[in-house]
Amino acid sequence: MTDQYKRVLTKRERDVFQLLSEGYATADIAQSLTITEKTVRNHISNVMLKIGAKDRTQALVYLVKTNELTIN
């Protein structure tokens, strides 16, 4: 993964990953943000591509380590 993508998440991408970090499922995130499950999956995929993560867990760990995301 690369550090060149620090601070490039959109607000919505950050919202999605914040809810993921709190244990929300895709359907719950969609309902909470009033978007479709497909849109949630698209946001997750876009972030994974941006940072070079292989899965959601790796993306979450990277986002926390780089201070893109804080865990409450």
PDB file of N, CA and C in Angstrom:
ATOM      1  N   MET A   1       0.849  -1.178   0.000  1.00  0.00           N
ATOM      2  CA  MET A   1       0.000   0.000   0.000  1.00  0.00           C
ATOM      3  C   MET A   1       0.890   1.235   0.000  1.00  0.00           C
ATOM      4  N   THR A   2       0.341   2.299  -0.470  1.00  0.00           N
ATOM      5  CA  THR A   2       1.154   3.492  -0.664  1.00  0.00           C
ATOM      6  C   THR A   2       0.624   4.670   0.143  1.00  0.00           C
ATOM      7  N   ASP A   3       1.542   5.501   0.629  1.00  0.00           N
ATOM      8  CA  ASP A   3       1.172   6.671   1.414  1.00  0.00           C
ATOM      9  C   ASP A   3       0.792   7.868   0.559  1.00  0.00           C
ATOM     10  N   GLN A   4       0.969   7.787  -0.743  1.00  0.00           N
ATOM     11  CA  GLN A   4       0.667   8.929  -1.599  1.00  0.00           C
ATOM     12  C   GLN A   4      -0.824   9.256  -1.634  1.00  0.00           C
ATOM     13  N   TYR A   5      -1.657   8.351  -1.117  1.00  0.00           N
ATOM     14  CA  TYR A   5      -3.097   8.571  -1.160  1.00  0.00           C
ATOM     15  C   TYR A   5      -3.662   9.088   0.153  1.00  0.00           C
ATOM     16  N   LYS A   6      -2.793   9.515   1.058  1.00  0.00           N
ATOM     17  CA  LYS A   6      -3.271  10.061   2.317  1.00  0.00           C
ATOM     18  C   LYS A   6      -4.216  11.230   2.067  1.00  0.00           C
ATOM     19  N   ARG A   7      -5.244  11.262   2.852  1.00  0.00           N
ATOM     20  CA  ARG A   7      -6.214  12.361   2.825  1.00  0.00           C
ATOM     21  C   ARG A   7      -6.897  12.545   1.473  1.00  0.00           C
ATOM     22  N   VAL A   8      -7.182  11.469   0.815  1.00  0.00           N
ATOM     23  CA  VAL A   8      -7.891  11.591  -0.452  1.00  0.00           C
ATOM     24  C   VAL A   8      -9.264  10.933  -0.410  1.00  0.00           C
ATOM     25  N   LEU A   9      -9.664  10.449   0.752  1.00  0.00           N
ATOM     26  CA  LEU A   9     -10.993   9.866   0.842  1.00  0.00           C
ATOM     27  C   LEU A   9     -12.042  10.969   0.784  1.00  0.00           C
ATOM     28  N   THR A  10     -13.123  10.665   0.103  1.00  0.00           N
ATOM     29  CA  THR A  10     -14.243  11.595   0.119  1.00  0.00           C
ATOM     30  C   THR A  10     -14.938  11.482   1.471  1.00  0.00           C
ATOM     31  N   LYS A  11     -15.772  12.440   1.777  1.00  0.00           N
ATOM     32  CA  LYS A  11     -16.515  12.391   3.036  1.00  0.00           C
ATOM     33  C   LYS A  11     -17.348  11.123   3.091  1.00  0.00           C
ATOM     34  N   ARG A  12     -17.986  10.775   2.001  1.00  0.00           N
ATOM     35  CA  ARG A  12     -18.849   9.588   1.975  1.00  0.00           C
ATOM     36  C   ARG A  12     -18.040   8.305   2.157  1.00  0.00           C
ATOM     37  N   GLU A  13     -16.875   8.228   1.526  1.00  0.00           N
ATOM     38  CA  GLU A  13     -16.016   7.050   1.705  1.00  0.00           C
ATOM     39  C   GLU A  13     -15.604   6.929   3.168  1.00  0.00           C
ATOM     40  N   ARG A  14     -15.278   8.054   3.773  1.00  0.00           N
ATOM     41  CA  ARG A  14     -14.899   8.054   5.188  1.00  0.00           C
ATOM     42  C   ARG A  14     -16.082   7.627   6.052  1.00  0.00           C
ATOM     43  N   ASP A  15     -17.280   8.103   5.731  1.00  0.00           N
ATOM     44  CA  ASP A  15     -18.482   7.703   6.472  1.00  0.00           C
ATOM     45  C   ASP A  15     -18.689   6.194   6.398  1.00  0.00           C
ATOM     46  N   VAL A  16     -18.540   5.634   5.200  1.00  0.00           N
ATOM     47  CA  VAL A  16     -18.724   4.191   5.004  1.00  0.00           C
ATOM     48  C   VAL A  16     -17.717   3.419   5.851  1.00  0.00           C
ATOM     49  N   PHE A  17     -16.460   3.809   5.799  1.00  0.00           N
ATOM     50  CA  PHE A  17     -15.441   3.073   6.551  1.00  0.00           C
ATOM     51  C   PHE A  17     -15.552   3.307   8.051  1.00  0.00           C
ATOM     52  N   GLN A  18     -16.046   4.454   8.452  1.00  0.00           N
ATOM     53  CA  GLN A  18     -16.280   4.677   9.882  1.00  0.00           C
ATOM     54  C   GLN A  18     -17.322   3.684  10.385  1.00  0.00           C
ATOM     55  N   LEU A  19     -18.398   3.519   9.631  1.00  0.00           N
ATOM     56  CA  LEU A  19     -19.436   2.569  10.025  1.00  0.00           C
ATOM     57  C   LEU A  19     -18.928   1.129   9.959  1.00  0.00           C
ATOM     58  N   LEU A  20     -18.113   0.813   8.964  1.00  0.00           N
ATOM     59  CA  LEU A  20     -17.500  -0.523   8.901  1.00  0.00           C
ATOM     60  C   LEU A  20     -16.677  -0.782  10.160  1.00  0.00           C
ATOM     61  N   SER A  21     -15.934   0.216  10.592  1.00  0.00           N
ATOM     62  CA  SER A  21     -15.085   0.051  11.777  1.00  0.00           C
ATOM     63  C   SER A  21     -15.914  -0.157  13.038  1.00  0.00           C
ATOM     64  N   GLU A  22     -17.165   0.260  13.000  1.00  0.00           N
ATOM     65  CA  GLU A  22     -18.064   0.089  14.139  1.00  0.00           C
ATOM     66  C   GLU A  22     -18.850  -1.216  14.048  1.00  0.00           C
ATOM     67  N   GLY A  23     -18.550  -2.025  13.032  1.00  0.00           N
ATOM     68  CA  GLY A  23     -19.168  -3.340  12.917  1.00  0.00           C
ATOM     69  C   GLY A  23     -20.445  -3.398  12.102  1.00  0.00           C
ATOM     70  N   TYR A  24     -20.783  -2.320  11.428  1.00  0.00           N
ATOM     71  CA  TYR A  24     -21.987  -2.306  10.601  1.00  0.00           C
ATOM     72  C   TYR A  24     -21.798  -3.207   9.380  1.00  0.00           C
ATOM     73  N   ALA A  25     -22.846  -3.911   9.007  1.00  0.00           N
ATOM     74  CA  ALA A  25     -22.854  -4.704   7.775  1.00  0.00           C
ATOM     75  C   ALA A  25     -23.182  -3.780   6.605  1.00  0.00           C
ATOM     76  N   THR A  26     -22.927  -4.259   5.407  1.00  0.00           N
ATOM     77  CA  THR A  26     -23.180  -3.456   4.203  1.00  0.00           C
ATOM     78  C   THR A  26     -24.619  -2.943   4.164  1.00  0.00           C
ATOM     79  N   ALA A  27     -25.574  -3.812   4.452  1.00  0.00           N
ATOM     80  CA  ALA A  27     -26.991  -3.409   4.424  1.00  0.00           C
ATOM     81  C   ALA A  27     -27.277  -2.332   5.463  1.00  0.00           C
ATOM     82  N   ASP A  28     -26.671  -2.464   6.640  1.00  0.00           N
ATOM     83  CA  ASP A  28     -26.873  -1.477   7.704  1.00  0.00           C
ATOM     84  C   ASP A  28     -26.267  -0.122   7.339  1.00  0.00           C
ATOM     85  N   ILE A  29     -25.109  -0.159   6.698  1.00  0.00           N
ATOM     86  CA  ILE A  29     -24.468   1.081   6.245  1.00  0.00           C
ATOM     87  C   ILE A  29     -25.351   1.767   5.214  1.00  0.00           C
ATOM     88  N   ALA A  30     -25.851   0.987   4.273  1.00  0.00           N
ATOM     89  CA  ALA A  30     -26.725   1.538   3.233  1.00  0.00           C
ATOM     90  C   ALA A  30     -27.941   2.212   3.850  1.00  0.00           C
ATOM     91  N   GLN A  31     -28.559   1.537   4.790  1.00  0.00           N
ATOM     92  CA  GLN A  31     -29.749   2.095   5.435  1.00  0.00           C
ATOM     93  C   GLN A  31     -29.397   3.348   6.233  1.00  0.00           C
ATOM     94  N   SER A  32     -28.306   3.310   6.956  1.00  0.00           N
ATOM     95  CA  SER A  32     -27.895   4.440   7.781  1.00  0.00           C
ATOM     96  C   SER A  32     -27.580   5.680   6.952  1.00  0.00           C
ATOM     97  N   LEU A  33     -26.955   5.473   5.786  1.00  0.00           N
ATOM     98  CA  LEU A  33     -26.555   6.600   4.938  1.00  0.00           C
ATOM     99  C   LEU A  33     -27.565   6.905   3.833  1.00  0.00           C
ATOM    100  N   THR A  34     -28.639   6.148   3.797  1.00  0.00           N
ATOM    101  CA  THR A  34     -29.690   6.305   2.792  1.00  0.00           C
ATOM    102  C   THR A  34     -29.126   6.192   1.373  1.00  0.00           C
ATOM    103  N   ILE A  35     -28.353   5.132   1.161  1.00  0.00           N
ATOM    104  CA  ILE A  35     -27.817   4.808  -0.158  1.00  0.00           C
ATOM    105  C   ILE A  35     -28.039   3.317  -0.392  1.00  0.00           C
ATOM    106  N   THR A  36     -27.801   2.850  -1.599  1.00  0.00           N
ATOM    107  CA  THR A  36     -27.997   1.433  -1.885  1.00  0.00           C
ATOM    108  C   THR A  36     -26.791   0.617  -1.418  1.00  0.00           C
ATOM    109  N   GLU A  37     -27.020  -0.680  -1.249  1.00  0.00           N
ATOM    110  CA  GLU A  37     -25.919  -1.575  -0.879  1.00  0.00           C
ATOM    111  C   GLU A  37     -24.843  -1.572  -1.961  1.00  0.00           C
ATOM    112  N   LYS A  38     -25.257  -1.476  -3.212  1.00  0.00           N
ATOM    113  CA  LYS A  38     -24.304  -1.428  -4.325  1.00  0.00           C
ATOM    114  C   LYS A  38     -23.406  -0.201  -4.201  1.00  0.00           C
ATOM    115  N   THR A  39     -23.978   0.921  -3.824  1.00  0.00           N
ATOM    116  CA  THR A  39     -23.192   2.141  -3.648  1.00  0.00           C
ATOM    117  C   THR A  39     -22.195   1.978  -2.505  1.00  0.00           C
ATOM    118  N   VAL A  40     -22.615   1.332  -1.432  1.00  0.00           N
ATOM    119  CA  VAL A  40     -21.694   1.056  -0.321  1.00  0.00           C
ATOM    120  C   VAL A  40     -20.528   0.217  -0.825  1.00  0.00           C
ATOM    121  N   ARG A  41     -20.834  -0.854  -1.555  1.00  0.00           N
ATOM    122  CA  ARG A  41     -19.773  -1.720  -2.086  1.00  0.00           C
ATOM    123  C   ARG A  41     -18.859  -0.950  -3.037  1.00  0.00           C
ATOM    124  N   ASN A  42     -19.436  -0.051  -3.832  1.00  0.00           N
ATOM    125  CA  ASN A  42     -18.617   0.772  -4.741  1.00  0.00           C
ATOM    126  C   ASN A  42     -17.654   1.665  -3.957  1.00  0.00           C
ATOM    127  N   HIS A  43     -18.137   2.285  -2.887  1.00  0.00           N
ATOM    128  CA  HIS A  43     -17.271   3.134  -2.062  1.00  0.00           C
ATOM    129  C   HIS A  43     -16.130   2.308  -1.470  1.00  0.00           C
ATOM    130  N   ILE A  44     -16.459   1.124  -0.981  1.00  0.00           N
ATOM    131  CA  ILE A  44     -15.435   0.251  -0.398  1.00  0.00           C
ATOM    132  C   ILE A  44     -14.406  -0.130  -1.454  1.00  0.00           C
ATOM    133  N   SER A  45     -14.874  -0.528  -2.629  1.00  0.00           N
ATOM    134  CA  SER A  45     -13.962  -0.910  -3.719  1.00  0.00           C
ATOM    135  C   SER A  45     -13.083   0.252  -4.149  1.00  0.00           C
ATOM    136  N   ASN A  46     -13.671   1.436  -4.246  1.00  0.00           N
ATOM    137  CA  ASN A  46     -12.899   2.616  -4.650  1.00  0.00           C
ATOM    138  C   ASN A  46     -11.778   2.914  -3.663  1.00  0.00           C
ATOM    139  N   VAL A  47     -12.080   2.822  -2.381  1.00  0.00           N
ATOM    140  CA  VAL A  47     -11.053   3.072  -1.369  1.00  0.00           C
ATOM    141  C   VAL A  47      -9.964   2.014  -1.450  1.00  0.00           C
ATOM    142  N   MET A  48     -10.358   0.769  -1.598  1.00  0.00           N
ATOM    143  CA  MET A  48      -9.371  -0.310  -1.690  1.00  0.00           C
ATOM    144  C   MET A  48      -8.440  -0.089  -2.875  1.00  0.00           C
ATOM    145  N   LEU A  49      -8.985   0.358  -3.990  1.00  0.00           N
ATOM    146  CA  LEU A  49      -8.150   0.659  -5.159  1.00  0.00           C
ATOM    147  C   LEU A  49      -7.218   1.835  -4.887  1.00  0.00           C
ATOM    148  N   LYS A  50      -7.732   2.871  -4.250  1.00  0.00           N
ATOM    149  CA  LYS A  50      -6.930   4.065  -3.969  1.00  0.00           C
ATOM    150  C   LYS A  50      -5.710   3.745  -3.123  1.00  0.00           C
ATOM    151  N   ILE A  51      -5.894   2.860  -2.136  1.00  0.00           N
ATOM    152  CA  ILE A  51      -4.800   2.611  -1.195  1.00  0.00           C
ATOM    153  C   ILE A  51      -4.081   1.291  -1.446  1.00  0.00           C
ATOM    154  N   GLY A  52      -4.572   0.513  -2.392  1.00  0.00           N
ATOM    155  CA  GLY A  52      -3.918  -0.749  -2.728  1.00  0.00           C
ATOM    156  C   GLY A  52      -4.185  -1.867  -1.740  1.00  0.00           C
ATOM    157  N   ALA A  53      -5.319  -1.813  -1.063  1.00  0.00           N
ATOM    158  CA  ALA A  53      -5.678  -2.855  -0.096  1.00  0.00           C
ATOM    159  C   ALA A  53      -6.296  -4.054  -0.804  1.00  0.00           C
ATOM    160  N   LYS A  54      -6.054  -5.237  -0.243  1.00  0.00           N
ATOM    161  CA  LYS A  54      -6.583  -6.466  -0.832  1.00  0.00           C
ATOM    162  C   LYS A  54      -7.960  -6.833  -0.298  1.00  0.00           C
ATOM    163  N   ASP A  55      -8.304  -6.321   0.877  1.00  0.00           N
ATOM    164  CA  ASP A  55      -9.620  -6.598   1.446  1.00  0.00           C
ATOM    165  C   ASP A  55     -10.012  -5.472   2.402  1.00  0.00           C
ATOM    166  N   ARG A  56     -11.243  -5.547   2.904  1.00  0.00           N
ATOM    167  CA  ARG A  56     -11.767  -4.493   3.781  1.00  0.00           C
ATOM    168  C   ARG A  56     -10.945  -4.339   5.055  1.00  0.00           C
ATOM    169  N   THR A  57     -10.559  -5.474   5.613  1.00  0.00           N
ATOM    170  CA  THR A  57      -9.798  -5.431   6.858  1.00  0.00           C
ATOM    171  C   THR A  57      -8.469  -4.724   6.660  1.00  0.00           C
ATOM    172  N   GLN A  58      -7.776  -5.060   5.593  1.00  0.00           N
ATOM    173  CA  GLN A  58      -6.496  -4.409   5.302  1.00  0.00           C
ATOM    174  C   GLN A  58      -6.711  -2.914   5.082  1.00  0.00           C
ATOM    175  N   ALA A  59      -7.789  -2.556   4.420  1.00  0.00           N
ATOM    176  CA  ALA A  59      -8.101  -1.146   4.194  1.00  0.00           C
ATOM    177  C   ALA A  59      -8.350  -0.432   5.521  1.00  0.00           C
ATOM    178  N   LEU A  60      -9.145  -1.041   6.398  1.00  0.00           N
ATOM    179  CA  LEU A  60      -9.427  -0.435   7.698  1.00  0.00           C
ATOM    180  C   LEU A  60      -8.150  -0.226   8.507  1.00  0.00           C
ATOM    181  N   VAL A  61      -7.305  -1.238   8.549  1.00  0.00           N
ATOM    182  CA  VAL A  61      -6.050  -1.129   9.300  1.00  0.00           C
ATOM    183  C   VAL A  61      -5.206   0.012   8.747  1.00  0.00           C
ATOM    184  N   TYR A  62      -5.081   0.079   7.434  1.00  0.00           N
ATOM    185  CA  TYR A  62      -4.291   1.133   6.797  1.00  0.00           C
ATOM    186  C   TYR A  62      -4.868   2.517   7.115  1.00  0.00           C
ATOM    187  N   LEU A  63      -6.176   2.652   7.010  1.00  0.00           N
ATOM    188  CA  LEU A  63      -6.809   3.952   7.245  1.00  0.00           C
ATOM    189  C   LEU A  63      -6.619   4.416   8.682  1.00  0.00           C
ATOM    190  N   VAL A  64      -6.646   3.487   9.625  1.00  0.00           N
ATOM    191  CA  VAL A  64      -6.413   3.846  11.024  1.00  0.00           C
ATOM    192  C   VAL A  64      -4.944   4.213  11.238  1.00  0.00           C
ATOM    193  N   LYS A  65      -4.042   3.414  10.695  1.00  0.00           N
ATOM    194  CA  LYS A  65      -2.601   3.670  10.870  1.00  0.00           C
ATOM    195  C   LYS A  65      -2.171   5.007  10.274  1.00  0.00           C
ATOM    196  N   THR A  66      -2.832   5.427   9.206  1.00  0.00           N
ATOM    197  CA  THR A  66      -2.463   6.683   8.548  1.00  0.00           C
ATOM    198  C   THR A  66      -3.321   7.859   9.011  1.00  0.00           C
ATOM    199  N   ASN A  67      -4.102   7.626  10.062  1.00  0.00           N
ATOM    200  CA  ASN A  67      -4.966   8.659  10.645  1.00  0.00           C
ATOM    201  C   ASN A  67      -6.029   9.183   9.694  1.00  0.00           C
ATOM    202  N   GLU A  68      -6.369   8.400   8.695  1.00  0.00           N
ATOM    203  CA  GLU A  68      -7.496   8.754   7.819  1.00  0.00           C
ATOM    204  C   GLU A  68      -8.810   8.482   8.539  1.00  0.00           C
ATOM    205  N   LEU A  69      -8.745   7.577   9.506  1.00  0.00           N
ATOM    206  CA  LEU A  69      -9.943   7.122  10.198  1.00  0.00           C
ATOM    207  C   LEU A  69      -9.599   6.938  11.665  1.00  0.00           C
ATOM    208  N   THR A  70     -10.511   7.324  12.538  1.00  0.00           N
ATOM    209  CA  THR A  70     -10.311   7.078  13.964  1.00  0.00           C
ATOM    210  C   THR A  70     -11.375   6.111  14.448  1.00  0.00           C
ATOM    211  N   ILE A  71     -10.969   5.240  15.335  1.00  0.00           N
ATOM    212  CA  ILE A  71     -11.911   4.277  15.899  1.00  0.00           C
ATOM    213  C   ILE A  71     -12.367   4.814  17.242  1.00  0.00           C
ATOM    214  N   ASN A  72     -13.677   4.893  17.394  1.00  0.00           N
ATOM    215  CA  ASN A  72     -14.259   5.445  18.631  1.00  0.00           C
ATOM    216  C   ASN A  72     -14.261   4.433  19.745  1.00  0.00           C
TER     217      ASN A  72
END
